Amino acid sequence: MRADRATGVCADEFDEHRTNDNYYTTNNDNRNNHTAGTVTTYEPGKTIVVKSDKGPVSFALGTAARIVSGAGHVVKSALRPGQRVHVYYTGTGETRAVDRVVVNED
């Protein structure tokens, strides 16, 4: 077992957690799917529509949905049409619910 002296975290455990995090963002298993594209419509607290390479995709925005920058900071301003985003969500079809929206920083 490797240890990270600066943080006191076992590096083997860190690697295991990092692998699990990647699992959720790269697998389409209904736990945490991902879509990238540009915002076409945004209604705070209600919906977001993103134009992806597969066409427009609509998502429900619940109270738990977070909108953050690529650095992980909460975005306080409203999303604008044309902004590039990555949407992480659960569910499929009509039941896609946003977990978080990551706004690309240009």
N, C-alpha and C. Protein backbone atom coordinates (compact mmCIF):
# COMPACT_ATOMS: atom_id res chain seq x y z
N MET A 1 0.84 -1.19 0.00
CA MET A 1 0.00 0.00 0.00
C MET A 1 0.88 1.25 0.00
N ARG A 2 0.59 2.15 -0.91
CA ARG A 2 1.34 3.40 -0.97
C ARG A 2 0.62 4.43 -0.12
N ALA A 3 1.36 5.34 0.45
CA ALA A 3 0.73 6.41 1.24
C ALA A 3 1.14 7.77 0.70
N ASP A 4 0.22 8.67 0.73
CA ASP A 4 0.49 10.04 0.33
C ASP A 4 0.74 10.82 1.61
N ARG A 5 1.99 11.13 1.88
CA ARG A 5 2.35 11.77 3.15
C ARG A 5 1.73 13.15 3.30
N ALA A 6 1.57 13.88 2.20
CA ALA A 6 1.05 15.25 2.28
C ALA A 6 -0.40 15.28 2.74
N THR A 7 -1.18 14.30 2.33
CA THR A 7 -2.60 14.33 2.68
C THR A 7 -2.99 13.25 3.67
N GLY A 8 -2.11 12.27 3.87
CA GLY A 8 -2.44 11.19 4.79
C GLY A 8 -3.43 10.21 4.19
N VAL A 9 -3.56 10.20 2.88
CA VAL A 9 -4.49 9.31 2.21
C VAL A 9 -3.70 8.16 1.61
N CYS A 10 -4.21 6.98 1.76
CA CYS A 10 -3.59 5.82 1.15
C CYS A 10 -3.77 5.93 -0.36
N ALA A 11 -2.69 5.95 -1.11
CA ALA A 11 -2.77 6.14 -2.56
C ALA A 11 -3.54 5.01 -3.23
N ASP A 12 -3.43 3.77 -2.71
CA ASP A 12 -4.18 2.67 -3.29
C ASP A 12 -5.68 2.92 -3.17
N GLU A 13 -6.12 3.43 -2.02
CA GLU A 13 -7.53 3.75 -1.83
C GLU A 13 -7.93 4.88 -2.76
N PHE A 14 -7.05 5.90 -2.91
CA PHE A 14 -7.34 7.02 -3.79
C PHE A 14 -7.53 6.52 -5.22
N ASP A 15 -6.61 5.66 -5.69
CA ASP A 15 -6.72 5.12 -7.05
C ASP A 15 -8.03 4.37 -7.23
N GLU A 16 -8.43 3.61 -6.22
CA GLU A 16 -9.68 2.86 -6.30
C GLU A 16 -10.88 3.80 -6.42
N HIS A 17 -10.88 4.89 -5.63
CA HIS A 17 -11.98 5.85 -5.70
C HIS A 17 -11.99 6.59 -7.02
N ARG A 18 -10.81 6.96 -7.50
CA ARG A 18 -10.73 7.66 -8.78
C ARG A 18 -11.27 6.77 -9.89
N THR A 19 -10.93 5.49 -9.87
CA THR A 19 -11.43 4.56 -10.87
C THR A 19 -12.95 4.48 -10.79
N ASN A 20 -13.50 4.44 -9.58
CA ASN A 20 -14.95 4.38 -9.44
C ASN A 20 -15.60 5.65 -9.95
N ASP A 21 -14.99 6.83 -9.70
CA ASP A 21 -15.54 8.08 -10.21
C ASP A 21 -15.57 8.06 -11.73
N ASN A 22 -14.49 7.57 -12.35
CA ASN A 22 -14.46 7.49 -13.80
C ASN A 22 -15.54 6.56 -14.32
N TYR A 23 -15.85 5.52 -13.58
CA TYR A 23 -16.89 4.57 -13.98
C TYR A 23 -18.21 5.29 -14.17
N TYR A 24 -18.55 6.18 -13.26
CA TYR A 24 -19.83 6.86 -13.35
C TYR A 24 -19.89 7.85 -14.50
N THR A 25 -18.78 8.42 -14.91
CA THR A 25 -18.84 9.44 -15.95
C THR A 25 -18.59 8.88 -17.34
N THR A 26 -18.13 7.62 -17.45
CA THR A 26 -17.85 7.09 -18.77
C THR A 26 -18.76 5.94 -19.16
N ASN A 27 -19.58 5.45 -18.27
CA ASN A 27 -20.47 4.35 -18.58
C ASN A 27 -21.91 4.83 -18.62
N ASN A 28 -22.63 4.34 -19.60
CA ASN A 28 -24.02 4.72 -19.78
C ASN A 28 -24.90 3.66 -19.12
N ASP A 29 -24.83 3.57 -17.78
CA ASP A 29 -25.56 2.52 -17.08
C ASP A 29 -26.71 3.08 -16.25
N ASN A 30 -27.19 4.26 -16.57
CA ASN A 30 -28.33 4.90 -15.91
C ASN A 30 -28.00 5.43 -14.52
N ARG A 31 -26.76 5.36 -14.07
CA ARG A 31 -26.39 5.93 -12.77
C ARG A 31 -26.05 7.40 -12.92
N ASN A 32 -25.19 7.71 -13.85
CA ASN A 32 -24.80 9.09 -14.07
C ASN A 32 -24.31 9.22 -15.50
N ASN A 33 -25.23 9.46 -16.40
CA ASN A 33 -24.91 9.60 -17.82
C ASN A 33 -24.38 11.01 -18.08
N HIS A 34 -23.88 11.21 -19.28
CA HIS A 34 -23.20 12.47 -19.61
C HIS A 34 -23.55 12.89 -21.03
N THR A 35 -23.85 14.17 -21.22
CA THR A 35 -24.07 14.74 -22.55
C THR A 35 -23.33 16.07 -22.62
N ALA A 36 -22.65 16.30 -23.73
CA ALA A 36 -21.95 17.57 -23.95
C ALA A 36 -22.60 18.29 -25.12
N GLY A 37 -22.64 19.61 -25.05
CA GLY A 37 -23.19 20.40 -26.14
C GLY A 37 -23.32 21.85 -25.75
N THR A 38 -24.22 22.56 -26.46
CA THR A 38 -24.44 23.98 -26.17
C THR A 38 -25.87 24.19 -25.67
N VAL A 39 -26.01 25.12 -24.75
CA VAL A 39 -27.32 25.43 -24.19
C VAL A 39 -28.17 26.10 -25.27
N THR A 40 -29.40 25.60 -25.44
CA THR A 40 -30.34 26.28 -26.34
C THR A 40 -31.45 26.94 -25.52
N THR A 41 -31.89 26.29 -24.45
CA THR A 41 -32.94 26.83 -23.59
C THR A 41 -32.58 26.52 -22.14
N TYR A 42 -32.81 27.50 -21.26
CA TYR A 42 -32.56 27.30 -19.84
C TYR A 42 -33.64 28.00 -19.03
N GLU A 43 -34.35 27.23 -18.23
CA GLU A 43 -35.34 27.76 -17.29
C GLU A 43 -34.90 27.35 -15.90
N PRO A 44 -34.30 28.27 -15.12
CA PRO A 44 -33.78 27.93 -13.80
C PRO A 44 -34.80 27.16 -12.96
N GLY A 45 -34.34 26.05 -12.38
CA GLY A 45 -35.19 25.24 -11.53
C GLY A 45 -36.18 24.37 -12.27
N LYS A 46 -36.20 24.47 -13.62
CA LYS A 46 -37.18 23.69 -14.39
C LYS A 46 -36.51 22.78 -15.42
N THR A 47 -35.98 23.38 -16.49
CA THR A 47 -35.41 22.56 -17.56
C THR A 47 -34.19 23.22 -18.18
N ILE A 48 -33.41 22.39 -18.84
CA ILE A 48 -32.32 22.85 -19.69
C ILE A 48 -32.37 22.00 -20.95
N VAL A 49 -32.21 22.64 -22.10
CA VAL A 49 -32.14 21.93 -23.37
C VAL A 49 -30.75 22.18 -23.94
N VAL A 50 -30.08 21.09 -24.30
CA VAL A 50 -28.71 21.16 -24.80
C VAL A 50 -28.68 20.56 -26.20
N LYS A 51 -28.08 21.29 -27.13
CA LYS A 51 -27.90 20.78 -28.48
C LYS A 51 -26.59 19.99 -28.50
N SER A 52 -26.71 18.67 -28.64
CA SER A 52 -25.53 17.81 -28.68
C SER A 52 -25.30 17.36 -30.12
N ASP A 53 -24.29 16.54 -30.33
CA ASP A 53 -24.03 16.04 -31.68
C ASP A 53 -25.12 15.09 -32.15
N LYS A 54 -26.00 14.67 -31.24
CA LYS A 54 -27.12 13.79 -31.59
C LYS A 54 -28.44 14.54 -31.64
N GLY A 55 -28.39 15.87 -31.58
CA GLY A 55 -29.59 16.69 -31.61
C GLY A 55 -29.91 17.28 -30.25
N PRO A 56 -31.06 17.97 -30.12
CA PRO A 56 -31.41 18.59 -28.85
C PRO A 56 -31.84 17.56 -27.81
N VAL A 57 -31.40 17.77 -26.56
CA VAL A 57 -31.73 16.87 -25.46
C VAL A 57 -32.25 17.72 -24.32
N SER A 58 -33.40 17.34 -23.77
CA SER A 58 -34.04 18.08 -22.68
C SER A 58 -33.81 17.37 -21.35
N PHE A 59 -33.57 18.16 -20.30
CA PHE A 59 -33.32 17.62 -18.97
C PHE A 59 -34.16 18.37 -17.95
N ALA A 60 -34.60 17.66 -16.91
CA ALA A 60 -35.29 18.29 -15.79
C ALA A 60 -34.26 18.77 -14.79
N LEU A 61 -34.44 19.98 -14.28
CA LEU A 61 -33.56 20.54 -13.25
C LEU A 61 -34.31 20.52 -11.93
N GLY A 62 -33.90 19.65 -11.04
CA GLY A 62 -34.51 19.60 -9.72
C GLY A 62 -33.77 20.49 -8.75
N THR A 63 -34.18 20.47 -7.49
CA THR A 63 -33.54 21.30 -6.48
C THR A 63 -32.12 20.84 -6.16
N ALA A 64 -31.80 19.59 -6.45
CA ALA A 64 -30.47 19.07 -6.15
C ALA A 64 -29.47 19.33 -7.27
N ALA A 65 -29.93 19.79 -8.43
CA ALA A 65 -29.03 20.02 -9.57
C ALA A 65 -28.05 21.14 -9.23
N ARG A 66 -26.78 20.90 -9.56
CA ARG A 66 -25.74 21.91 -9.32
C ARG A 66 -25.19 22.40 -10.64
N ILE A 67 -24.92 23.68 -10.72
CA ILE A 67 -24.29 24.26 -11.91
C ILE A 67 -22.94 24.80 -11.46
N VAL A 68 -21.88 24.24 -12.03
CA VAL A 68 -20.53 24.57 -11.59
C VAL A 68 -19.63 24.87 -12.78
N SER A 69 -18.52 25.54 -12.48
CA SER A 69 -17.49 25.79 -13.49
C SER A 69 -16.62 24.53 -13.61
N GLY A 70 -15.75 24.54 -14.59
CA GLY A 70 -14.82 23.42 -14.74
C GLY A 70 -13.93 23.23 -13.53
N ALA A 71 -13.70 24.30 -12.77
CA ALA A 71 -12.89 24.22 -11.56
C ALA A 71 -13.71 23.77 -10.34
N GLY A 72 -15.03 23.57 -10.54
CA GLY A 72 -15.87 23.10 -9.46
C GLY A 72 -16.54 24.19 -8.64
N HIS A 73 -16.38 25.45 -9.03
CA HIS A 73 -17.01 26.56 -8.30
C HIS A 73 -18.45 26.73 -8.75
N VAL A 74 -19.34 27.03 -7.82
CA VAL A 74 -20.74 27.23 -8.13
C VAL A 74 -20.90 28.43 -9.06
N VAL A 75 -21.67 28.25 -10.13
CA VAL A 75 -21.96 29.32 -11.08
C VAL A 75 -23.24 29.99 -10.62
N LYS A 76 -23.18 31.28 -10.34
CA LYS A 76 -24.34 32.00 -9.82
C LYS A 76 -25.16 32.69 -10.90
N SER A 77 -24.55 32.96 -12.04
CA SER A 77 -25.29 33.63 -13.12
C SER A 77 -26.07 32.59 -13.92
N ALA A 78 -27.15 33.04 -14.56
CA ALA A 78 -27.98 32.15 -15.36
C ALA A 78 -27.22 31.68 -16.59
N LEU A 79 -27.48 30.46 -17.00
CA LEU A 79 -26.89 29.95 -18.23
C LEU A 79 -27.47 30.70 -19.42
N ARG A 80 -26.65 30.88 -20.46
CA ARG A 80 -27.08 31.61 -21.65
C ARG A 80 -27.06 30.69 -22.86
N PRO A 81 -27.96 30.90 -23.79
CA PRO A 81 -27.90 30.13 -25.03
C PRO A 81 -26.52 30.27 -25.67
N GLY A 82 -26.00 29.16 -26.16
CA GLY A 82 -24.69 29.15 -26.80
C GLY A 82 -23.55 28.73 -25.88
N GLN A 83 -23.78 28.74 -24.56
CA GLN A 83 -22.72 28.31 -23.64
C GLN A 83 -22.49 26.81 -23.81
N ARG A 84 -21.23 26.43 -23.82
CA ARG A 84 -20.88 25.01 -23.90
C ARG A 84 -20.91 24.41 -22.50
N VAL A 85 -21.56 23.25 -22.39
CA VAL A 85 -21.73 22.60 -21.09
C VAL A 85 -21.58 21.09 -21.23
N HIS A 86 -21.32 20.46 -20.09
CA HIS A 86 -21.39 19.01 -19.93
C HIS A 86 -22.48 18.78 -18.89
N VAL A 87 -23.46 17.97 -19.23
CA VAL A 87 -24.58 17.70 -18.32
C VAL A 87 -24.46 16.26 -17.84
N TYR A 88 -24.40 16.09 -16.53
CA TYR A 88 -24.36 14.77 -15.91
C TYR A 88 -25.74 14.52 -15.32
N TYR A 89 -26.34 13.40 -15.67
CA TYR A 89 -27.74 13.17 -15.30
C TYR A 89 -28.01 11.70 -14.99
N THR A 90 -29.16 11.45 -14.41
CA THR A 90 -29.65 10.10 -14.19
C THR A 90 -30.94 9.92 -14.98
N GLY A 91 -31.29 8.70 -15.25
CA GLY A 91 -32.52 8.41 -15.95
C GLY A 91 -32.34 8.40 -17.46
N THR A 92 -33.43 8.11 -18.15
CA THR A 92 -33.42 8.05 -19.61
C THR A 92 -34.71 8.64 -20.16
N GLY A 93 -34.72 8.90 -21.45
CA GLY A 93 -35.93 9.37 -22.11
C GLY A 93 -36.53 10.60 -21.44
N GLU A 94 -37.80 10.51 -21.12
CA GLU A 94 -38.52 11.63 -20.50
C GLU A 94 -38.16 11.85 -19.03
N THR A 95 -37.39 10.94 -18.46
CA THR A 95 -37.08 11.03 -17.03
C THR A 95 -35.62 11.38 -16.75
N ARG A 96 -35.00 12.14 -17.65
CA ARG A 96 -33.60 12.56 -17.42
C ARG A 96 -33.58 13.70 -16.41
N ALA A 97 -32.92 13.46 -15.28
CA ALA A 97 -32.82 14.48 -14.23
C ALA A 97 -31.35 14.85 -14.02
N VAL A 98 -31.08 16.15 -14.03
CA VAL A 98 -29.71 16.65 -13.92
C VAL A 98 -29.16 16.47 -12.52
N ASP A 99 -27.94 15.94 -12.45
CA ASP A 99 -27.18 15.92 -11.21
C ASP A 99 -26.33 17.17 -11.13
N ARG A 100 -25.59 17.45 -12.23
CA ARG A 100 -24.79 18.67 -12.30
C ARG A 100 -24.55 19.08 -13.73
N VAL A 101 -24.38 20.38 -13.91
CA VAL A 101 -24.01 20.95 -15.20
C VAL A 101 -22.65 21.60 -15.01
N VAL A 102 -21.71 21.23 -15.84
CA VAL A 102 -20.37 21.82 -15.79
C VAL A 102 -20.25 22.75 -16.98
N VAL A 103 -20.04 24.04 -16.69
CA VAL A 103 -19.93 25.05 -17.72
C VAL A 103 -18.48 25.11 -18.20
N ASN A 104 -18.29 24.96 -19.50
CA ASN A 104 -16.93 25.05 -20.06
C ASN A 104 -16.45 26.48 -19.95
N GLU A 105 -15.22 26.64 -19.54
CA GLU A 105 -14.63 27.96 -19.40
C GLU A 105 -13.82 28.25 -20.64
N ASP A 106 -14.28 29.20 -21.43
CA ASP A 106 -13.57 29.55 -22.68
C ASP A 106 -12.63 30.70 -22.45
